[in-house]
Each structure stands twice: as structure tokens, then as C-alpha cells.
PDB file of N, CA and C in Angstrom:
ATOM      1  N   MET A   1       3.601  -8.980 -14.192  1.00  0.00           N
ATOM      2  CA  MET A   1       3.898  -7.629 -14.592  1.00  0.00           C
ATOM      3  C   MET A   1       4.464  -7.664 -16.013  1.00  0.00           C
ATOM      4  N   PRO A   2       3.991  -6.807 -16.893  1.00  0.00           N
ATOM      5  CA  PRO A   2       4.470  -6.812 -18.274  1.00  0.00           C
ATOM      6  C   PRO A   2       5.961  -6.487 -18.357  1.00  0.00           C
ATOM      7  N   LYS A   3       6.627  -7.117 -19.315  1.00  0.00           N
ATOM      8  CA  LYS A   3       8.070  -6.910 -19.470  1.00  0.00           C
ATOM      9  C   LYS A   3       8.418  -5.449 -19.726  1.00  0.00           C
ATOM     10  N   TRP A   4       7.580  -4.743 -20.509  1.00  0.00           N
ATOM     11  CA  TRP A   4       7.880  -3.337 -20.794  1.00  0.00           C
ATOM     12  C   TRP A   4       7.845  -2.488 -19.536  1.00  0.00           C
ATOM     13  N   LEU A   5       6.963  -2.842 -18.590  1.00  0.00           N
ATOM     14  CA  LEU A   5       6.875  -2.094 -17.348  1.00  0.00           C
ATOM     15  C   LEU A   5       8.091  -2.379 -16.470  1.00  0.00           C
ATOM     16  N   ILE A   6       8.462  -3.639 -16.393  1.00  0.00           N
ATOM     17  CA  ILE A   6       9.647  -4.013 -15.624  1.00  0.00           C
ATOM     18  C   ILE A   6      10.868  -3.298 -16.181  1.00  0.00           C
ATOM     19  N   LYS A   7      11.013  -3.292 -17.497  1.00  0.00           N
ATOM     20  CA  LYS A   7      12.157  -2.640 -18.132  1.00  0.00           C
ATOM     21  C   LYS A   7      12.174  -1.147 -17.798  1.00  0.00           C
ATOM     22  N   GLY A   8      11.012  -0.496 -17.836  1.00  0.00           N
ATOM     23  CA  GLY A   8      10.930   0.919 -17.505  1.00  0.00           C
ATOM     24  C   GLY A   8      11.281   1.202 -16.056  1.00  0.00           C
ATOM     25  N   LEU A   9      10.818   0.348 -15.162  1.00  0.00           N
ATOM     26  CA  LEU A   9      11.119   0.523 -13.741  1.00  0.00           C
ATOM     27  C   LEU A   9      12.587   0.304 -13.443  1.00  0.00           C
ATOM     28  N   THR A  10      13.188  -0.688 -14.076  1.00  0.00           N
ATOM     29  CA  THR A  10      14.584  -0.997 -13.785  1.00  0.00           C
ATOM     30  C   THR A  10      15.532   0.079 -14.302  1.00  0.00           C
ATOM     31  N   LYS A  11      15.126   0.843 -15.297  1.00  0.00           N
ATOM     32  CA  LYS A  11      15.965   1.946 -15.771  1.00  0.00           C
ATOM     33  C   LYS A  11      16.101   3.020 -14.699  1.00  0.00           C
ATOM     34  N   GLN A  12      15.088   3.167 -13.866  1.00  0.00           N
ATOM     35  CA  GLN A  12      15.085   4.189 -12.828  1.00  0.00           C
ATOM     36  C   GLN A  12      15.715   3.696 -11.520  1.00  0.00           C
ATOM     37  N   MET A  13      15.953   2.412 -11.416  1.00  0.00           N
ATOM     38  CA  MET A  13      16.431   1.831 -10.166  1.00  0.00           C
ATOM     39  C   MET A  13      17.954   1.893 -10.062  1.00  0.00           C
ATOM     40  N   PRO A  14      18.474   1.858  -8.816  1.00  0.00           N
ATOM     41  CA  PRO A  14      19.915   1.751  -8.632  1.00  0.00           C
ATOM     42  C   PRO A  14      20.437   0.474  -9.278  1.00  0.00           C
ATOM     43  N   LYS A  15      21.723   0.406  -9.499  1.00  0.00           N
ATOM     44  CA  LYS A  15      22.314  -0.713 -10.223  1.00  0.00           C
ATOM     45  C   LYS A  15      22.328  -2.021  -9.441  1.00  0.00           C
ATOM     46  N   THR A  16      22.564  -1.953  -8.138  1.00  0.00           N
ATOM     47  CA  THR A  16      22.686  -3.195  -7.365  1.00  0.00           C
ATOM     48  C   THR A  16      21.925  -3.103  -6.043  1.00  0.00           C
ATOM     49  N   VAL A  17      21.773  -4.235  -5.414  1.00  0.00           N
ATOM     50  CA  VAL A  17      21.157  -4.299  -4.092  1.00  0.00           C
ATOM     51  C   VAL A  17      21.978  -3.473  -3.100  1.00  0.00           C
ATOM     52  N   ALA A  18      23.293  -3.496  -3.243  1.00  0.00           N
ATOM     53  CA  ALA A  18      24.171  -2.748  -2.341  1.00  0.00           C
ATOM     54  C   ALA A  18      23.852  -1.260  -2.332  1.00  0.00           C
ATOM     55  N   ASP A  19      23.306  -0.754  -3.426  1.00  0.00           N
ATOM     56  CA  ASP A  19      22.964   0.662  -3.513  1.00  0.00           C
ATOM     57  C   ASP A  19      21.788   1.046  -2.616  1.00  0.00           C
ATOM     58  N   VAL A  20      20.961   0.092  -2.231  1.00  0.00           N
ATOM     59  CA  VAL A  20      19.764   0.411  -1.436  1.00  0.00           C
ATOM     60  C   VAL A  20      19.656  -0.368  -0.133  1.00  0.00           C
ATOM     61  N   MET A  21      20.513  -1.329   0.085  1.00  0.00           N
ATOM     62  CA  MET A  21      20.388  -2.171   1.282  1.00  0.00           C
ATOM     63  C   MET A  21      20.727  -1.400   2.558  1.00  0.00           C
ATOM     64  N   SER A  22      20.233  -1.907   3.669  1.00  0.00           N
ATOM     65  CA  SER A  22      20.585  -1.379   4.982  1.00  0.00           C
ATOM     66  C   SER A  22      21.946  -1.934   5.352  1.00  0.00           C
ATOM     67  N   ARG A  23      22.856  -1.067   5.685  1.00  0.00           N
ATOM     68  CA  ARG A  23      24.226  -1.507   5.997  1.00  0.00           C
ATOM     69  C   ARG A  23      24.359  -2.021   7.430  1.00  0.00           C
ATOM     70  N   ASN A  24      23.548  -1.526   8.322  1.00  0.00           N
ATOM     71  CA  ASN A  24      23.553  -1.968   9.721  1.00  0.00           C
ATOM     72  C   ASN A  24      22.131  -2.347  10.117  1.00  0.00           C
ATOM     73  N   PRO A  25      21.647  -3.492   9.627  1.00  0.00           N
ATOM     74  CA  PRO A  25      20.247  -3.842   9.877  1.00  0.00           C
ATOM     75  C   PRO A  25      19.975  -4.152  11.346  1.00  0.00           C
ATOM     76  N   ILE A  26      18.757  -3.884  11.731  1.00  0.00           N
ATOM     77  CA  ILE A  26      18.282  -4.286  13.052  1.00  0.00           C
ATOM     78  C   ILE A  26      18.058  -5.787  12.956  1.00  0.00           C
ATOM     79  N   ILE A  27      18.548  -6.535  13.930  1.00  0.00           N
ATOM     80  CA  ILE A  27      18.431  -7.994  13.897  1.00  0.00           C
ATOM     81  C   ILE A  27      17.658  -8.495  15.109  1.00  0.00           C
ATOM     82  N   VAL A  28      17.162  -9.714  14.984  1.00  0.00           N
ATOM     83  CA  VAL A  28      16.561 -10.425  16.113  1.00  0.00           C
ATOM     84  C   VAL A  28      17.177 -11.814  16.172  1.00  0.00           C
ATOM     85  N   ARG A  29      17.017 -12.449  17.290  1.00  0.00           N
ATOM     86  CA  ARG A  29      17.507 -13.815  17.468  1.00  0.00           C
ATOM     87  C   ARG A  29      16.328 -14.775  17.428  1.00  0.00           C
ATOM     88  N   ARG A  30      16.623 -16.051  17.268  1.00  0.00           N
ATOM     89  CA  ARG A  30      15.549 -17.055  17.198  1.00  0.00           C
ATOM     90  C   ARG A  30      14.645 -17.027  18.419  1.00  0.00           C
ATOM     91  N   GLU A  31      15.224 -16.716  19.574  1.00  0.00           N
ATOM     92  CA  GLU A  31      14.445 -16.740  20.808  1.00  0.00           C
ATOM     93  C   GLU A  31      13.734 -15.420  21.108  1.00  0.00           C
ATOM     94  N   THR A  32      13.860 -14.426  20.235  1.00  0.00           N
ATOM     95  CA  THR A  32      13.161 -13.151  20.412  1.00  0.00           C
ATOM     96  C   THR A  32      11.650 -13.407  20.377  1.00  0.00           C
ATOM     97  N   PRO A  33      10.928 -12.917  21.376  1.00  0.00           N
ATOM     98  CA  PRO A  33       9.463 -13.093  21.358  1.00  0.00           C
ATOM     99  C   PRO A  33       8.850 -12.402  20.132  1.00  0.00           C
ATOM    100  N   LEU A  34       7.844 -13.035  19.545  1.00  0.00           N
ATOM    101  CA  LEU A  34       7.173 -12.454  18.381  1.00  0.00           C
ATOM    102  C   LEU A  34       6.642 -11.058  18.673  1.00  0.00           C
ATOM    103  N   LYS A  35       6.122 -10.869  19.858  1.00  0.00           N
ATOM    104  CA  LYS A  35       5.578  -9.558  20.232  1.00  0.00           C
ATOM    105  C   LYS A  35       6.656  -8.488  20.101  1.00  0.00           C
ATOM    106  N   GLU A  36       7.868  -8.800  20.507  1.00  0.00           N
ATOM    107  CA  GLU A  36       8.978  -7.846  20.410  1.00  0.00           C
ATOM    108  C   GLU A  36       9.348  -7.575  18.948  1.00  0.00           C
ATOM    109  N   ALA A  37       9.398  -8.629  18.133  1.00  0.00           N
ATOM    110  CA  ALA A  37       9.714  -8.464  16.707  1.00  0.00           C
ATOM    111  C   ALA A  37       8.662  -7.601  16.029  1.00  0.00           C
ATOM    112  N   ILE A  38       7.393  -7.826  16.344  1.00  0.00           N
ATOM    113  CA  ILE A  38       6.305  -7.034  15.764  1.00  0.00           C
ATOM    114  C   ILE A  38       6.435  -5.572  16.184  1.00  0.00           C
ATOM    115  N   GLN A  39       6.783  -5.361  17.423  1.00  0.00           N
ATOM    116  CA  GLN A  39       6.950  -3.996  17.928  1.00  0.00           C
ATOM    117  C   GLN A  39       8.094  -3.289  17.191  1.00  0.00           C
ATOM    118  N   ILE A  40       9.197  -3.980  16.957  1.00  0.00           N
ATOM    119  CA  ILE A  40      10.323  -3.405  16.220  1.00  0.00           C
ATOM    120  C   ILE A  40       9.896  -3.041  14.800  1.00  0.00           C
ATOM    121  N   LEU A  41       9.210  -3.967  14.135  1.00  0.00           N
ATOM    122  CA  LEU A  41       8.753  -3.702  12.767  1.00  0.00           C
ATOM    123  C   LEU A  41       7.866  -2.460  12.725  1.00  0.00           C
ATOM    124  N   ALA A  42       6.961  -2.344  13.679  1.00  0.00           N
ATOM    125  CA  ALA A  42       6.030  -1.214  13.696  1.00  0.00           C
ATOM    126  C   ALA A  42       6.741   0.095  14.034  1.00  0.00           C
ATOM    127  N   GLU A  43       7.567   0.080  15.063  1.00  0.00           N
ATOM    128  CA  GLU A  43       8.226   1.305  15.504  1.00  0.00           C
ATOM    129  C   GLU A  43       9.238   1.827  14.480  1.00  0.00           C
ATOM    130  N   LYS A  44       9.958   0.920  13.852  1.00  0.00           N
ATOM    131  CA  LYS A  44      10.993   1.314  12.887  1.00  0.00           C
ATOM    132  C   LYS A  44      10.442   1.466  11.470  1.00  0.00           C
ATOM    133  N   ARG A  45       9.161   1.069  11.304  1.00  0.00           N
ATOM    134  CA  ARG A  45       8.490   1.143   9.998  1.00  0.00           C
ATOM    135  C   ARG A  45       9.288   0.387   8.930  1.00  0.00           C
ATOM    136  N   ILE A  46       9.626  -0.850   9.274  1.00  0.00           N
ATOM    137  CA  ILE A  46      10.327  -1.733   8.353  1.00  0.00           C
ATOM    138  C   ILE A  46       9.479  -2.976   8.121  1.00  0.00           C
ATOM    139  N   SER A  47       9.769  -3.693   7.055  1.00  0.00           N
ATOM    140  CA  SER A  47       8.908  -4.823   6.686  1.00  0.00           C
ATOM    141  C   SER A  47       9.510  -6.184   7.004  1.00  0.00           C
ATOM    142  N   GLY A  48      10.758  -6.227   7.465  1.00  0.00           N
ATOM    143  CA  GLY A  48      11.360  -7.508   7.768  1.00  0.00           C
ATOM    144  C   GLY A  48      12.583  -7.359   8.647  1.00  0.00           C
ATOM    145  N   LEU A  49      12.930  -8.458   9.294  1.00  0.00           N
ATOM    146  CA  LEU A  49      14.091  -8.482  10.186  1.00  0.00           C
ATOM    147  C   LEU A  49      14.927  -9.732   9.934  1.00  0.00           C
ATOM    148  N   PRO A  50      16.260  -9.572   9.804  1.00  0.00           N
ATOM    149  CA  PRO A  50      17.119 -10.751   9.744  1.00  0.00           C
ATOM    150  C   PRO A  50      17.094 -11.455  11.108  1.00  0.00           C
ATOM    151  N   VAL A  51      17.118 -12.773  11.083  1.00  0.00           N
ATOM    152  CA  VAL A  51      17.163 -13.577  12.306  1.00  0.00           C
ATOM    153  C   VAL A  51      18.536 -14.247  12.351  1.00  0.00           C
ATOM    154  N   VAL A  52      19.249 -14.053  13.470  1.00  0.00           N
ATOM    155  CA  VAL A  52      20.604 -14.596  13.588  1.00  0.00           C
ATOM    156  C   VAL A  52      20.706 -15.567  14.761  1.00  0.00           C
ATOM    157  N   ASP A  53      21.734 -16.428  14.694  1.00  0.00           N
ATOM    158  CA  ASP A  53      21.980 -17.360  15.794  1.00  0.00           C
ATOM    159  C   ASP A  53      22.904 -16.699  16.818  1.00  0.00           C
ATOM    160  N   ASP A  54      23.398 -17.494  17.759  1.00  0.00           N
ATOM    161  CA  ASP A  54      24.215 -16.961  18.857  1.00  0.00           C
ATOM    162  C   ASP A  54      25.542 -16.371  18.412  1.00  0.00           C
ATOM    163  N   VAL A  55      26.028 -16.753  17.244  1.00  0.00           N
ATOM    164  CA  VAL A  55      27.299 -16.202  16.749  1.00  0.00           C
ATOM    165  C   VAL A  55      27.084 -15.134  15.679  1.00  0.00           C
ATOM    166  N   GLY A  56      25.829 -14.752  15.461  1.00  0.00           N
ATOM    167  CA  GLY A  56      25.517 -13.704  14.505  1.00  0.00           C
ATOM    168  C   GLY A  56      25.345 -14.167  13.075  1.00  0.00           C
ATOM    169  N   LYS A  57      25.294 -15.486  12.863  1.00  0.00           N
ATOM    170  CA  LYS A  57      25.098 -16.029  11.521  1.00  0.00           C
ATOM    171  C   LYS A  57      23.619 -15.952  11.143  1.00  0.00           C
ATOM    172  N   LEU A  58      23.353 -15.485   9.931  1.00  0.00           N
ATOM    173  CA  LEU A  58      21.977 -15.393   9.450  1.00  0.00           C
ATOM    174  C   LEU A  58      21.350 -16.783   9.363  1.00  0.00           C
ATOM    175  N   VAL A  59      20.184 -16.931   9.989  1.00  0.00           N
ATOM    176  CA  VAL A  59      19.479 -18.215   9.932  1.00  0.00           C
ATOM    177  C   VAL A  59      18.110 -18.073   9.283  1.00  0.00           C
ATOM    178  N   GLY A  60      17.684 -16.823   9.040  1.00  0.00           N
ATOM    179  CA  GLY A  60      16.395 -16.608   8.403  1.00  0.00           C
ATOM    180  C   GLY A  60      16.015 -15.145   8.406  1.00  0.00           C
ATOM    181  N   ILE A  61      14.820 -14.897   7.922  1.00  0.00           N
ATOM    182  CA  ILE A  61      14.261 -13.550   7.890  1.00  0.00           C
ATOM    183  C   ILE A  61      12.796 -13.675   8.274  1.00  0.00           C
ATOM    184  N   ILE A  62      12.333 -12.780   9.130  1.00  0.00           N
ATOM    185  CA  ILE A  62      10.913 -12.736   9.464  1.00  0.00           C
ATOM    186  C   ILE A  62      10.343 -11.463   8.842  1.00  0.00           C
ATOM    187  N   SER A  63       9.221 -11.616   8.156  1.00  0.00           N
ATOM    188  CA  SER A  63       8.633 -10.472   7.453  1.00  0.00           C
ATOM    189  C   SER A  63       7.200 -10.232   7.898  1.00  0.00           C
ATOM    190  N   GLU A  64       6.687  -9.071   7.519  1.00  0.00           N
ATOM    191  CA  GLU A  64       5.285  -8.773   7.798  1.00  0.00           C
ATOM    192  C   GLU A  64       4.380  -9.839   7.178  1.00  0.00           C
ATOM    193  N   THR A  65       4.728 -10.283   5.983  1.00  0.00           N
ATOM    194  CA  THR A  65       3.925 -11.309   5.309  1.00  0.00           C
ATOM    195  C   THR A  65       3.919 -12.598   6.112  1.00  0.00           C
ATOM    196  N   ASP A  66       5.078 -12.992   6.657  1.00  0.00           N
ATOM    197  CA  ASP A  66       5.148 -14.190   7.499  1.00  0.00           C
ATOM    198  C   ASP A  66       4.194 -14.065   8.680  1.00  0.00           C
ATOM    199  N   LEU A  67       4.212 -12.903   9.306  1.00  0.00           N
ATOM    200  CA  LEU A  67       3.375 -12.692  10.484  1.00  0.00           C
ATOM    201  C   LEU A  67       1.898 -12.673  10.136  1.00  0.00           C
ATOM    202  N   MET A  68       1.549 -12.037   9.023  1.00  0.00           N
ATOM    203  CA  MET A  68       0.146 -11.994   8.604  1.00  0.00           C
ATOM    204  C   MET A  68      -0.370 -13.389   8.293  1.00  0.00           C
ATOM    205  N   CYS A  69       0.429 -14.176   7.579  1.00  0.00           N
ATOM    206  CA  CYS A  69       0.002 -15.526   7.196  1.00  0.00           C
ATOM    207  C   CYS A  69      -0.138 -16.413   8.421  1.00  0.00           C
ATOM    208  N   GLN A  70       0.832 -16.328   9.330  1.00  0.00           N
ATOM    209  CA  GLN A  70       0.824 -17.157  10.535  1.00  0.00           C
ATOM    210  C   GLN A  70      -0.330 -16.773  11.452  1.00  0.00           C
ATOM    211  N   GLY A  71      -0.546 -15.472  11.597  1.00  0.00           N
ATOM    212  CA  GLY A  71      -1.566 -14.992  12.528  1.00  0.00           C
ATOM    213  C   GLY A  71      -2.980 -15.218  12.059  1.00  0.00           C
ATOM    214  N   THR A  72      -3.194 -15.190  10.761  1.00  0.00           N
ATOM    215  CA  THR A  72      -4.556 -15.283  10.251  1.00  0.00           C
ATOM    216  C   THR A  72      -4.889 -16.631   9.644  1.00  0.00           C
ATOM    217  N   GLY A  73      -3.856 -17.351   9.237  1.00  0.00           N
ATOM    218  CA  GLY A  73      -4.079 -18.616   8.561  1.00  0.00           C
ATOM    219  C   GLY A  73      -4.489 -18.438   7.110  1.00  0.00           C
ATOM    220  N   VAL A  74      -4.491 -17.195   6.641  1.00  0.00           N
ATOM    221  CA  VAL A  74      -4.868 -16.893   5.265  1.00  0.00           C
ATOM    222  C   VAL A  74      -3.661 -17.083   4.362  1.00  0.00           C
ATOM    223  N   THR A  75      -3.882 -17.709   3.226  1.00  0.00           N
ATOM    224  CA  THR A  75      -2.820 -17.856   2.245  1.00  0.00           C
ATOM    225  C   THR A  75      -2.755 -16.589   1.416  1.00  0.00           C
ATOM    226  N   PRO A  76      -1.566 -15.940   1.361  1.00  0.00           N
ATOM    227  CA  PRO A  76      -1.466 -14.706   0.593  1.00  0.00           C
ATOM    228  C   PRO A  76      -1.552 -14.972  -0.900  1.00  0.00           C
ATOM    229  N   PRO A  77      -1.814 -13.908  -1.685  1.00  0.00           N
ATOM    230  CA  PRO A  77      -1.838 -14.069  -3.136  1.00  0.00           C
ATOM    231  C   PRO A  77      -0.510 -14.621  -3.651  1.00  0.00           C
ATOM    232  N   ALA A  78      -0.553 -15.261  -4.816  1.00  0.00           N
ATOM    233  CA  ALA A  78       0.634 -15.909  -5.371  1.00  0.00           C
ATOM    234  C   ALA A  78       1.812 -14.963  -5.527  1.00  0.00           C
ATOM    235  N   TYR A  79       1.563 -13.701  -5.924  1.00  0.00           N
ATOM    236  CA  TYR A  79       2.682 -12.800  -6.126  1.00  0.00           C
ATOM    237  C   TYR A  79       3.404 -12.499  -4.825  1.00  0.00           C
ATOM    238  N   ILE A  80       2.685 -12.465  -3.704  1.00  0.00           N
ATOM    239  CA  ILE A  80       3.344 -12.254  -2.412  1.00  0.00           C
ATOM    240  C   ILE A  80       4.167 -13.487  -2.064  1.00  0.00           C
ATOM    241  N   MET A  81       3.628 -14.674  -2.299  1.00  0.00           N
ATOM    242  CA  MET A  81       4.378 -15.891  -2.025  1.00  0.00           C
ATOM    243  C   MET A  81       5.660 -15.911  -2.857  1.00  0.00           C
ATOM    244  N   PHE A  82       5.560 -15.496  -4.110  1.00  0.00           N
ATOM    245  CA  PHE A  82       6.718 -15.476  -5.013  1.00  0.00           C
ATOM    246  C   PHE A  82       7.738 -14.458  -4.531  1.00  0.00           C
ATOM    247  N   LEU A  83       7.292 -13.259  -4.176  1.00  0.00           N
ATOM    248  CA  LEU A  83       8.209 -12.206  -3.776  1.00  0.00           C
ATOM    249  C   LEU A  83       8.835 -12.453  -2.403  1.00  0.00           C
ATOM    250  N   SER A  84       8.192 -13.204  -1.549  1.00  0.00           N
ATOM    251  CA  SER A  84       8.721 -13.428  -0.215  1.00  0.00           C
ATOM    252  C   SER A  84       9.733 -14.569  -0.157  1.00  0.00           C
ATOM    253  N   ARG A  85      10.006 -15.190  -1.285  1.00  0.00           N
ATOM    254  CA  ARG A  85      10.984 -16.288  -1.292  1.00  0.00           C
ATOM    255  C   ARG A  85      12.334 -15.838  -1.720  1.00  0.00           C
TER     256      ARG A  85
END
């Protein structure tokens, strides 16, 4: 993306992640069945879910991109790989 475009977009954006983040995110656990996680993503119209352990510590994030790549075996375009990290 050209620097001038990024600069223009960032002028319109909130100042920090805290300004747009979900304060009470929907979470899943490592043992949550994939089918259930997919259903949550679809029903809530969200693109990712934090994954927590038994004490509520963040251990990862599962995203639509993760599911698409795993389910199809297709490697996503480089920009998706970059943005999903």
C-alpha cells in the first residue's frame, strides 16, 4: 500500500487500539470444537476469537483466515499472511 494512502487513512483513524478494541471479547478454550468456534464467528459476525487456557490466560487467536487455510490447504496471499501475524 502506498505511503500516501496509509498516511491518509491513519488521519481518519482513532488514535489507539484501545479506541476500537472489544472490551469484553467472546473467548474460546483450546478444547472448544472447531464447529462451535465457526458457529460463533458466523453468528456474531466477527473475524477472530481469543483462545484462553483454564485460568483465562491468552494462548492464541483463531481467525477466519486460519480456518480457511486449514480447511482448504490453500496458501493465502502474502498480504493476508503478513496481516494475520
